[in-house]
Amino acid sequence: AKANEAKLNEANFKNQLQAELAKKDALINEL
Protein backbone atom coordinates (compact mmCIF):
# COMPACT_ATOMS: atom_id res chain seq x y z
CA ALA A 1 0.00 0.00 0.00
CA LYS A 2 2.86 2.34 0.93
CA ALA A 3 4.55 1.47 -2.30
CA ASN A 4 1.42 2.11 -4.28
CA GLU A 5 0.88 5.29 -2.37
CA ALA A 6 4.47 6.21 -2.93
CA LYS A 7 4.12 5.42 -6.61
CA LEU A 8 0.92 7.45 -6.67
CA ASN A 9 2.63 10.25 -4.81
CA GLU A 10 5.60 9.85 -7.12
CA ALA A 11 3.33 9.95 -10.14
CA ASN A 12 1.54 12.96 -8.71
CA PHE A 13 4.92 14.57 -7.90
CA LYS A 14 6.20 13.73 -11.33
CA ASN A 15 3.08 15.17 -12.86
CA GLN A 16 3.40 18.24 -10.67
CA LEU A 17 7.14 18.38 -11.39
CA GLN A 18 6.50 18.01 -15.09
CA ALA A 19 3.96 20.78 -14.88
CA GLU A 20 6.46 22.91 -13.00
CA LEU A 21 9.14 21.95 -15.46
CA ALA A 22 6.80 22.77 -18.33
CA LYS A 23 6.19 26.16 -16.73
CA LYS A 24 9.88 26.62 -16.18
CA ASP A 25 10.65 25.41 -19.73
CA ALA A 26 8.09 27.84 -21.04
CA LEU A 27 9.61 30.58 -18.90
CA ILE A 28 13.09 29.49 -19.97
CA ASN A 29 11.99 29.43 -23.60
CA GLU A 30 10.44 32.83 -23.14
CA LEU A 31 13.52 34.13 -21.41
Full PDB file with SEQRES, HELIX, SHEET, SSBOND, CRYST1, ORIGX, SCALE, CONECT and MASTER records, all heavy atoms in Angstrom:
SEQRES   1 A   31  ALA LYS ALA ASN GLU ALA LYS LEU ASN GLU ALA ASN PHE          
SEQRES   2 A   31  LYS ASN GLN LEU GLN ALA GLU LEU ALA LYS LYS ASP ALA          
SEQRES   3 A   31  LEU ILE ASN GLU LEU                                          
HELIX    1 AA1 LYS A    2  GLU A   30  1                                  29    
CRYST1    1.000    1.000    1.000  90.00  90.00  90.00 P 1           1          
ORIGX1      1.000000  0.000000  0.000000        0.00000                         
ORIGX2      0.000000  1.000000  0.000000        0.00000                         
ORIGX3      0.000000  0.000000  1.000000        0.00000                         
SCALE1      1.000000  0.000000  0.000000        0.00000                         
SCALE2      0.000000  1.000000  0.000000        0.00000                         
SCALE3      0.000000  0.000000  1.000000        0.00000                         
ATOM      1  N   ALA A   1       0.829  -1.201   0.000  1.00  0.00           N  
ATOM      2  CA  ALA A   1       0.000   0.000   0.000  1.00  0.00           C  
ATOM      3  C   ALA A   1       0.871   1.261   0.000  1.00  0.00           C  
ATOM      4  O   ALA A   1       0.604   2.227  -0.709  1.00  0.00           O  
ATOM      5  CB  ALA A   1      -0.925  -0.025   1.211  1.00  0.00           C  
ATOM      6  N   LYS A   2       1.946   1.187   0.888  1.00  0.00           N  
ATOM      7  CA  LYS A   2       2.859   2.339   0.929  1.00  0.00           C  
ATOM      8  C   LYS A   2       3.560   2.539  -0.420  1.00  0.00           C  
ATOM      9  O   LYS A   2       3.741   3.677  -0.876  1.00  0.00           O  
ATOM     10  CB  LYS A   2       3.900   2.142   2.028  1.00  0.00           C  
ATOM     11  CG  LYS A   2       3.324   2.313   3.424  1.00  0.00           C  
ATOM     12  CD  LYS A   2       4.458   2.166   4.458  1.00  0.00           C  
ATOM     13  CE  LYS A   2       3.928   2.387   5.890  1.00  0.00           C  
ATOM     14  NZ  LYS A   2       5.026   2.242   6.886  1.00  0.00           N  
ATOM     15  N   ALA A   3       3.880   1.373  -0.999  1.00  0.00           N  
ATOM     16  CA  ALA A   3       4.550   1.474  -2.297  1.00  0.00           C  
ATOM     17  C   ALA A   3       3.619   2.062  -3.338  1.00  0.00           C  
ATOM     18  O   ALA A   3       4.025   2.908  -4.146  1.00  0.00           O  
ATOM     19  CB  ALA A   3       5.082   0.108  -2.735  1.00  0.00           C  
ATOM     20  N   ASN A   4       2.394   1.568  -3.321  1.00  0.00           N  
ATOM     21  CA  ASN A   4       1.419   2.111  -4.278  1.00  0.00           C  
ATOM     22  C   ASN A   4       1.183   3.594  -4.027  1.00  0.00           C  
ATOM     23  O   ASN A   4       1.093   4.391  -4.966  1.00  0.00           O  
ATOM     24  CB  ASN A   4       0.126   1.339  -4.191  1.00  0.00           C  
ATOM     25  CG  ASN A   4       0.273  -0.096  -4.695  1.00  0.00           C  
ATOM     26  OD1 ASN A   4       1.103  -0.381  -5.563  1.00  0.00           O  
ATOM     27  ND2 ASN A   4      -0.557  -1.026  -4.161  1.00  0.00           N  
ATOM     28  N   GLU A   5       1.067   3.872  -2.702  1.00  0.00           N  
ATOM     29  CA  GLU A   5       0.879   5.288  -2.366  1.00  0.00           C  
ATOM     30  C   GLU A   5       2.088   6.115  -2.782  1.00  0.00           C  
ATOM     31  O   GLU A   5       1.948   7.233  -3.288  1.00  0.00           O  
ATOM     32  CB  GLU A   5       0.629   5.420  -0.849  1.00  0.00           C  
ATOM     33  CG  GLU A   5       0.260   6.849  -0.439  1.00  0.00           C  
ATOM     34  CD  GLU A   5       0.017   6.954   1.079  1.00  0.00           C  
ATOM     35  OE1 GLU A   5       0.123   5.949   1.788  1.00  0.00           O  
ATOM     36  OE2 GLU A   5      -0.233   8.119   1.524  1.00  0.00           O  
ATOM     37  N   ALA A   6       3.227   5.493  -2.539  1.00  0.00           N  
ATOM     38  CA  ALA A   6       4.465   6.213  -2.931  1.00  0.00           C  
ATOM     39  C   ALA A   6       4.516   6.393  -4.434  1.00  0.00           C  
ATOM     40  O   ALA A   6       4.906   7.458  -4.928  1.00  0.00           O  
ATOM     41  CB  ALA A   6       5.693   5.436  -2.449  1.00  0.00           C  
ATOM     42  N   LYS A   7       4.145   5.306  -5.160  1.00  0.00           N  
ATOM     43  CA  LYS A   7       4.120   5.417  -6.615  1.00  0.00           C  
ATOM     44  C   LYS A   7       3.140   6.489  -7.052  1.00  0.00           C  
ATOM     45  O   LYS A   7       3.420   7.267  -7.972  1.00  0.00           O  
ATOM     46  CB  LYS A   7       3.785   4.082  -7.239  1.00  0.00           C  
ATOM     47  CG  LYS A   7       4.896   3.052  -7.132  1.00  0.00           C  
ATOM     48  CD  LYS A   7       4.473   1.730  -7.783  1.00  0.00           C  
ATOM     49  CE  LYS A   7       5.601   0.701  -7.689  1.00  0.00           C  
ATOM     50  NZ  LYS A   7       5.218  -0.601  -8.331  1.00  0.00           N  
ATOM     51  N   LEU A   8       1.926   6.441  -6.333  1.00  0.00           N  
ATOM     52  CA  LEU A   8       0.918   7.451  -6.673  1.00  0.00           C  
ATOM     53  C   LEU A   8       1.455   8.856  -6.394  1.00  0.00           C  
ATOM     54  O   LEU A   8       1.302   9.763  -7.208  1.00  0.00           O  
ATOM     55  CB  LEU A   8      -0.376   7.169  -5.889  1.00  0.00           C  
ATOM     56  CG  LEU A   8      -1.524   8.137  -6.156  1.00  0.00           C  
ATOM     57  CD1 LEU A   8      -1.938   8.088  -7.639  1.00  0.00           C  
ATOM     58  CD2 LEU A   8      -2.730   7.801  -5.248  1.00  0.00           C  
ATOM     59  N   ASN A   9       2.055   8.932  -5.169  1.00  0.00           N  
ATOM     60  CA  ASN A   9       2.629  10.246  -4.812  1.00  0.00           C  
ATOM     61  C   ASN A   9       3.747  10.645  -5.807  1.00  0.00           C  
ATOM     62  O   ASN A   9       3.870  11.799  -6.194  1.00  0.00           O  
ATOM     63  CB  ASN A   9       3.181  10.210  -3.395  1.00  0.00           C  
ATOM     64  CG  ASN A   9       2.068  10.113  -2.338  1.00  0.00           C  
ATOM     65  OD1 ASN A   9       0.926  10.554  -2.558  1.00  0.00           O  
ATOM     66  ND2 ASN A   9       2.397   9.514  -1.183  1.00  0.00           N  
ATOM     67  N   GLU A  10       4.515   9.595  -6.160  1.00  0.00           N  
ATOM     68  CA  GLU A  10       5.603   9.851  -7.119  1.00  0.00           C  
ATOM     69  C   GLU A  10       5.057  10.286  -8.461  1.00  0.00           C  
ATOM     70  O   GLU A  10       5.589  11.221  -9.082  1.00  0.00           O  
ATOM     71  CB  GLU A  10       6.473   8.597  -7.269  1.00  0.00           C  
ATOM     72  CG  GLU A  10       7.703   8.837  -8.147  1.00  0.00           C  
ATOM     73  CD  GLU A  10       8.550   7.575  -8.279  1.00  0.00           C  
ATOM     74  OE1 GLU A  10       8.221   6.556  -7.657  1.00  0.00           O  
ATOM     75  OE2 GLU A  10       9.605   7.648  -9.030  1.00  0.00           O  
ATOM     76  N   ALA A  11       3.944   9.586  -8.865  1.00  0.00           N  
ATOM     77  CA  ALA A  11       3.335   9.954 -10.139  1.00  0.00           C  
ATOM     78  C   ALA A  11       2.770  11.363 -10.062  1.00  0.00           C  
ATOM     79  O   ALA A  11       2.949  12.166 -10.997  1.00  0.00           O  
ATOM     80  CB  ALA A  11       2.241   8.942 -10.498  1.00  0.00           C  
ATOM     81  N   ASN A  12       2.066  11.595  -8.876  1.00  0.00           N  
ATOM     82  CA  ASN A  12       1.544  12.961  -8.707  1.00  0.00           C  
ATOM     83  C   ASN A  12       2.683  14.012  -8.704  1.00  0.00           C  
ATOM     84  O   ASN A  12       2.585  15.084  -9.279  1.00  0.00           O  
ATOM     85  CB  ASN A  12       0.736  13.045  -7.414  1.00  0.00           C  
ATOM     86  CG  ASN A  12      -0.553  12.223  -7.491  1.00  0.00           C  
ATOM     87  OD1 ASN A  12      -1.116  12.020  -8.590  1.00  0.00           O  
ATOM     88  ND2 ASN A  12      -1.019  11.722  -6.338  1.00  0.00           N  
ATOM     89  N   PHE A  13       3.773  13.648  -7.983  1.00  0.00           N  
ATOM     90  CA  PHE A  13       4.917  14.569  -7.898  1.00  0.00           C  
ATOM     91  C   PHE A  13       5.551  14.790  -9.276  1.00  0.00           C  
ATOM     92  O   PHE A  13       5.910  15.920  -9.635  1.00  0.00           O  
ATOM     93  CB  PHE A  13       5.949  13.998  -6.915  1.00  0.00           C  
ATOM     94  CG  PHE A  13       7.167  14.859  -6.757  1.00  0.00           C  
ATOM     95  CD1 PHE A  13       7.111  16.039  -6.011  1.00  0.00           C  
ATOM     96  CD2 PHE A  13       8.370  14.508  -7.379  1.00  0.00           C  
ATOM     97  CE1 PHE A  13       8.245  16.823  -5.899  1.00  0.00           C  
ATOM     98  CE2 PHE A  13       9.480  15.300  -7.243  1.00  0.00           C  
ATOM     99  CZ  PHE A  13       9.431  16.483  -6.511  1.00  0.00           C  
ATOM    100  N   LYS A  14       5.640  13.619  -9.992  1.00  0.00           N  
ATOM    101  CA  LYS A  14       6.200  13.734 -11.327  1.00  0.00           C  
ATOM    102  C   LYS A  14       5.337  14.610 -12.205  1.00  0.00           C  
ATOM    103  O   LYS A  14       5.848  15.450 -12.961  1.00  0.00           O  
ATOM    104  CB  LYS A  14       6.363  12.348 -11.947  1.00  0.00           C  
ATOM    105  CG  LYS A  14       7.524  11.553 -11.380  1.00  0.00           C  
ATOM    106  CD  LYS A  14       7.667  10.205 -12.112  1.00  0.00           C  
ATOM    107  CE  LYS A  14       8.874   9.429 -11.587  1.00  0.00           C  
ATOM    108  NZ  LYS A  14       9.029   8.108 -12.283  1.00  0.00           N  
ATOM    109  N   ASN A  15       3.988  14.339 -12.068  1.00  0.00           N  
ATOM    110  CA  ASN A  15       3.078  15.169 -12.860  1.00  0.00           C  
ATOM    111  C   ASN A  15       3.223  16.645 -12.470  1.00  0.00           C  
ATOM    112  O   ASN A  15       3.261  17.538 -13.334  1.00  0.00           O  
ATOM    113  CB  ASN A  15       1.661  14.696 -12.689  1.00  0.00           C  
ATOM    114  CG  ASN A  15       1.425  13.322 -13.322  1.00  0.00           C  
ATOM    115  OD1 ASN A  15       2.098  12.954 -14.295  1.00  0.00           O  
ATOM    116  ND2 ASN A  15       0.480  12.554 -12.777  1.00  0.00           N  
ATOM    117  N   GLN A  16       3.255  16.864 -11.152  1.00  0.00           N  
ATOM    118  CA  GLN A  16       3.403  18.239 -10.669  1.00  0.00           C  
ATOM    119  C   GLN A  16       4.753  18.818 -11.123  1.00  0.00           C  
ATOM    120  O   GLN A  16       4.835  19.969 -11.542  1.00  0.00           O  
ATOM    121  CB  GLN A  16       3.286  18.255  -9.139  1.00  0.00           C  
ATOM    122  CG  GLN A  16       3.280  19.667  -8.559  1.00  0.00           C  
ATOM    123  CD  GLN A  16       3.133  19.651  -7.036  1.00  0.00           C  
ATOM    124  OE1 GLN A  16       2.994  18.567  -6.412  1.00  0.00           O  
ATOM    125  NE2 GLN A  16       3.118  20.819  -6.448  1.00  0.00           N  
ATOM    126  N   LEU A  17       5.807  17.928 -10.984  1.00  0.00           N  
ATOM    127  CA  LEU A  17       7.138  18.379 -11.386  1.00  0.00           C  
ATOM    128  C   LEU A  17       7.190  18.678 -12.884  1.00  0.00           C  
ATOM    129  O   LEU A  17       7.790  19.666 -13.305  1.00  0.00           O  
ATOM    130  CB  LEU A  17       8.158  17.314 -11.031  1.00  0.00           C  
ATOM    131  CG  LEU A  17       9.635  17.652 -11.319  1.00  0.00           C  
ATOM    132  CD1 LEU A  17      10.073  18.884 -10.555  1.00  0.00           C  
ATOM    133  CD2 LEU A  17      10.525  16.445 -10.963  1.00  0.00           C  
ATOM    134  N   GLN A  18       6.556  17.783 -13.657  1.00  0.00           N  
ATOM    135  CA  GLN A  18       6.500  18.009 -15.089  1.00  0.00           C  
ATOM    136  C   GLN A  18       5.773  19.298 -15.420  1.00  0.00           C  
ATOM    137  O   GLN A  18       6.180  20.047 -16.315  1.00  0.00           O  
ATOM    138  CB  GLN A  18       5.838  16.821 -15.795  1.00  0.00           C  
ATOM    139  CG  GLN A  18       6.720  15.564 -15.823  1.00  0.00           C  
ATOM    140  CD  GLN A  18       6.027  14.382 -16.477  1.00  0.00           C  
ATOM    141  OE1 GLN A  18       4.820  14.473 -16.809  1.00  0.00           O  
ATOM    142  NE2 GLN A  18       6.772  13.279 -16.644  1.00  0.00           N  
ATOM    143  N   ALA A  19       4.675  19.521 -14.668  1.00  0.00           N  
ATOM    144  CA  ALA A  19       3.956  20.779 -14.883  1.00  0.00           C  
ATOM    145  C   ALA A  19       4.832  21.977 -14.552  1.00  0.00           C  
ATOM    146  O   ALA A  19       4.870  22.977 -15.289  1.00  0.00           O  
ATOM    147  CB  ALA A  19       2.685  20.797 -14.028  1.00  0.00           C  
ATOM    148  N   GLU A  20       5.550  21.831 -13.368  1.00  0.00           N  
ATOM    149  CA  GLU A  20       6.461  22.913 -12.998  1.00  0.00           C  
ATOM    150  C   GLU A  20       7.571  23.073 -14.028  1.00  0.00           C  
ATOM    151  O   GLU A  20       7.945  24.184 -14.383  1.00  0.00           O  
ATOM    152  CB  GLU A  20       7.037  22.626 -11.604  1.00  0.00           C  
ATOM    153  CG  GLU A  20       6.045  22.683 -10.470  1.00  0.00           C  
ATOM    154  CD  GLU A  20       5.544  24.105 -10.221  1.00  0.00           C  
ATOM    155  OE1 GLU A  20       6.320  25.063 -10.529  1.00  0.00           O  
ATOM    156  OE2 GLU A  20       4.415  24.264  -9.728  1.00  0.00           O  
ATOM    157  N   LEU A  21       8.087  21.900 -14.463  1.00  0.00           N  
ATOM    158  CA  LEU A  21       9.138  21.953 -15.458  1.00  0.00           C  
ATOM    159  C   LEU A  21       8.634  22.556 -16.762  1.00  0.00           C  
ATOM    160  O   LEU A  21       9.377  23.297 -17.434  1.00  0.00           O  
ATOM    161  CB  LEU A  21       9.690  20.548 -15.720  1.00  0.00           C  
ATOM    162  CG  LEU A  21      10.544  19.954 -14.591  1.00  0.00           C  
ATOM    163  CD1 LEU A  21      10.910  18.487 -14.912  1.00  0.00           C  
ATOM    164  CD2 LEU A  21      11.815  20.767 -14.370  1.00  0.00           C  
ATOM    165  N   ALA A  22       7.389  22.199 -17.123  1.00  0.00           N  
ATOM    166  CA  ALA A  22       6.805  22.770 -18.329  1.00  0.00           C  
ATOM    167  C   ALA A  22       6.713  24.280 -18.213  1.00  0.00           C  
ATOM    168  O   ALA A  22       7.014  25.013 -19.149  1.00  0.00           O  
ATOM    169  CB  ALA A  22       5.449  22.152 -18.599  1.00  0.00           C  
ATOM    170  N   LYS A  23       6.258  24.718 -16.977  1.00  0.00           N  
ATOM    171  CA  LYS A  23       6.194  26.157 -16.734  1.00  0.00           C  
ATOM    172  C   LYS A  23       7.593  26.798 -16.841  1.00  0.00           C  
ATOM    173  O   LYS A  23       7.778  27.847 -17.451  1.00  0.00           O  
ATOM    174  CB  LYS A  23       5.583  26.441 -15.366  1.00  0.00           C  
ATOM    175  CG  LYS A  23       4.091  26.121 -15.272  1.00  0.00           C  
ATOM    176  CD  LYS A  23       3.581  26.449 -13.867  1.00  0.00           C  
ATOM    177  CE  LYS A  23       2.094  26.129 -13.736  1.00  0.00           C  
ATOM    178  NZ  LYS A  23       1.580  26.441 -12.366  1.00  0.00           N  
ATOM    179  N   LYS A  24       8.514  26.092 -16.146  1.00  0.00           N  
ATOM    180  CA  LYS A  24       9.878  26.618 -16.177  1.00  0.00           C  
ATOM    181  C   LYS A  24      10.449  26.602 -17.590  1.00  0.00           C  
ATOM    182  O   LYS A  24      11.148  27.527 -17.999  1.00  0.00           O  
ATOM    183  CB  LYS A  24      10.763  25.804 -15.238  1.00  0.00           C  
ATOM    184  CG  LYS A  24      10.455  26.071 -13.767  1.00  0.00           C  
ATOM    185  CD  LYS A  24      11.402  25.279 -12.869  1.00  0.00           C  
ATOM    186  CE  LYS A  24      11.107  25.569 -11.394  1.00  0.00           C  
ATOM    187  NZ  LYS A  24      12.001  24.810 -10.485  1.00  0.00           N  
ATOM    188  N   ASP A  25      10.173  25.477 -18.342  1.00  0.00           N  
ATOM    189  CA  ASP A  25      10.654  25.413 -19.728  1.00  0.00           C  
ATOM    190  C   ASP A  25      10.065  26.536 -20.565  1.00  0.00           C  
ATOM    191  O   ASP A  25      10.752  27.148 -21.385  1.00  0.00           O  
ATOM    192  CB  ASP A  25      10.299  24.059 -20.339  1.00  0.00           C  
ATOM    193  CG  ASP A  25      11.149  22.927 -19.760  1.00  0.00           C  
ATOM    194  OD1 ASP A  25      12.260  23.235 -19.223  1.00  0.00           O  
ATOM    195  OD2 ASP A  25      10.730  21.761 -19.877  1.00  0.00           O  
ATOM    196  N   ALA A  26       8.742  26.746 -20.319  1.00  0.00           N  
ATOM    197  CA  ALA A  26       8.088  27.836 -21.045  1.00  0.00           C  
ATOM    198  C   ALA A  26       8.732  29.170 -20.695  1.00  0.00           C  
ATOM    199  O   ALA A  26       8.987  30.012 -21.566  1.00  0.00           O  
ATOM    200  CB  ALA A  26       6.585  27.854 -20.732  1.00  0.00           C  
ATOM    201  N   LEU A  27       8.962  29.353 -19.350  1.00  0.00           N  
ATOM    202  CA  LEU A  27       9.614  30.582 -18.900  1.00  0.00           C  
ATOM    203  C   LEU A  27      11.027  30.698 -19.468  1.00  0.00           C  
ATOM    204  O   LEU A  27      11.459  31.763 -19.921  1.00  0.00           O  
ATOM    205  CB  LEU A  27       9.637  30.624 -17.379  1.00  0.00           C  
ATOM    206  CG  LEU A  27      10.264  31.869 -16.737  1.00  0.00           C  
ATOM    207  CD1 LEU A  27       9.491  33.128 -17.152  1.00  0.00           C  
ATOM    208  CD2 LEU A  27      10.269  31.754 -15.208  1.00  0.00           C  
ATOM    209  N   ILE A  28      11.715  29.506 -19.418  1.00  0.00           N  
ATOM    210  CA  ILE A  28      13.086  29.495 -19.966  1.00  0.00           C  
ATOM    211  C   ILE A  28      13.084  29.818 -21.451  1.00  0.00           C  
ATOM    212  O   ILE A  28      13.909  30.588 -21.946  1.00  0.00           O  
ATOM    213  CB  ILE A  28      13.750  28.144 -19.695  1.00  0.00           C  
ATOM    214  CG1 ILE A  28      14.062  28.010 -18.196  1.00  0.00           C  
ATOM    215  CG2 ILE A  28      15.043  27.987 -20.502  1.00  0.00           C  
ATOM    216  CD1 ILE A  28      14.521  26.614 -17.792  1.00  0.00           C  
ATOM    217  N   ASN A  29      12.097  29.169 -22.166  1.00  0.00           N  
ATOM    218  CA  ASN A  29      11.986  29.432 -23.599  1.00  0.00           C  
ATOM    219  C   ASN A  29      11.689  30.896 -23.861  1.00  0.00           C  
ATOM    220  O   ASN A  29      12.224  31.508 -24.792  1.00  0.00           O  
ATOM    221  CB  ASN A  29      10.926  28.540 -24.227  1.00  0.00           C  
ATOM    222  CG  ASN A  29      11.344  27.064 -24.248  1.00  0.00           C  
ATOM    223  OD1 ASN A  29      12.545  26.761 -24.332  1.00  0.00           O  
ATOM    224  ND2 ASN A  29      10.368  26.158 -24.162  1.00  0.00           N  
ATOM    225  N   GLU A  30      10.788  31.418 -23.002  1.00  0.00           N  
ATOM    226  CA  GLU A  30      10.441  32.831 -23.144  1.00  0.00           C  
ATOM    227  C   GLU A  30      11.652  33.713 -22.883  1.00  0.00           C  
ATOM    228  O   GLU A  30      11.956  34.633 -23.649  1.00  0.00           O  
ATOM    229  CB  GLU A  30       9.302  33.179 -22.184  1.00  0.00           C  
ATOM    230  CG  GLU A  30       8.824  34.627 -22.329  1.00  0.00           C  
ATOM    231  CD  GLU A  30       7.697  34.949 -21.332  1.00  0.00           C  
ATOM    232  OE1 GLU A  30       7.226  34.035 -20.638  1.00  0.00           O  
ATOM    233  OE2 GLU A  30       7.306  36.143 -21.284  1.00  0.00           O  
ATOM    234  N   LEU A  31      12.319  33.368 -21.735  1.00  0.00           N  
ATOM    235  CA  LEU A  31      13.523  34.131 -21.412  1.00  0.00           C  
ATOM    236  C   LEU A  31      14.608  33.944 -22.478  1.00  0.00           C  
ATOM    237  O   LEU A  31      15.321  34.875 -22.834  1.00  0.00           O  
ATOM    238  CB  LEU A  31      14.058  33.710 -20.039  1.00  0.00           C  
ATOM    239  CG  LEU A  31      13.176  34.087 -18.843  1.00  0.00           C  
ATOM    240  CD1 LEU A  31      13.737  33.461 -17.555  1.00  0.00           C  
ATOM    241  CD2 LEU A  31      13.080  35.605 -18.689  1.00  0.00           C  
TER     242      LEU A  31                                                      
MASTER        0    0    0    1    0    0    0    6  241    1    0    3          
END                                                                             
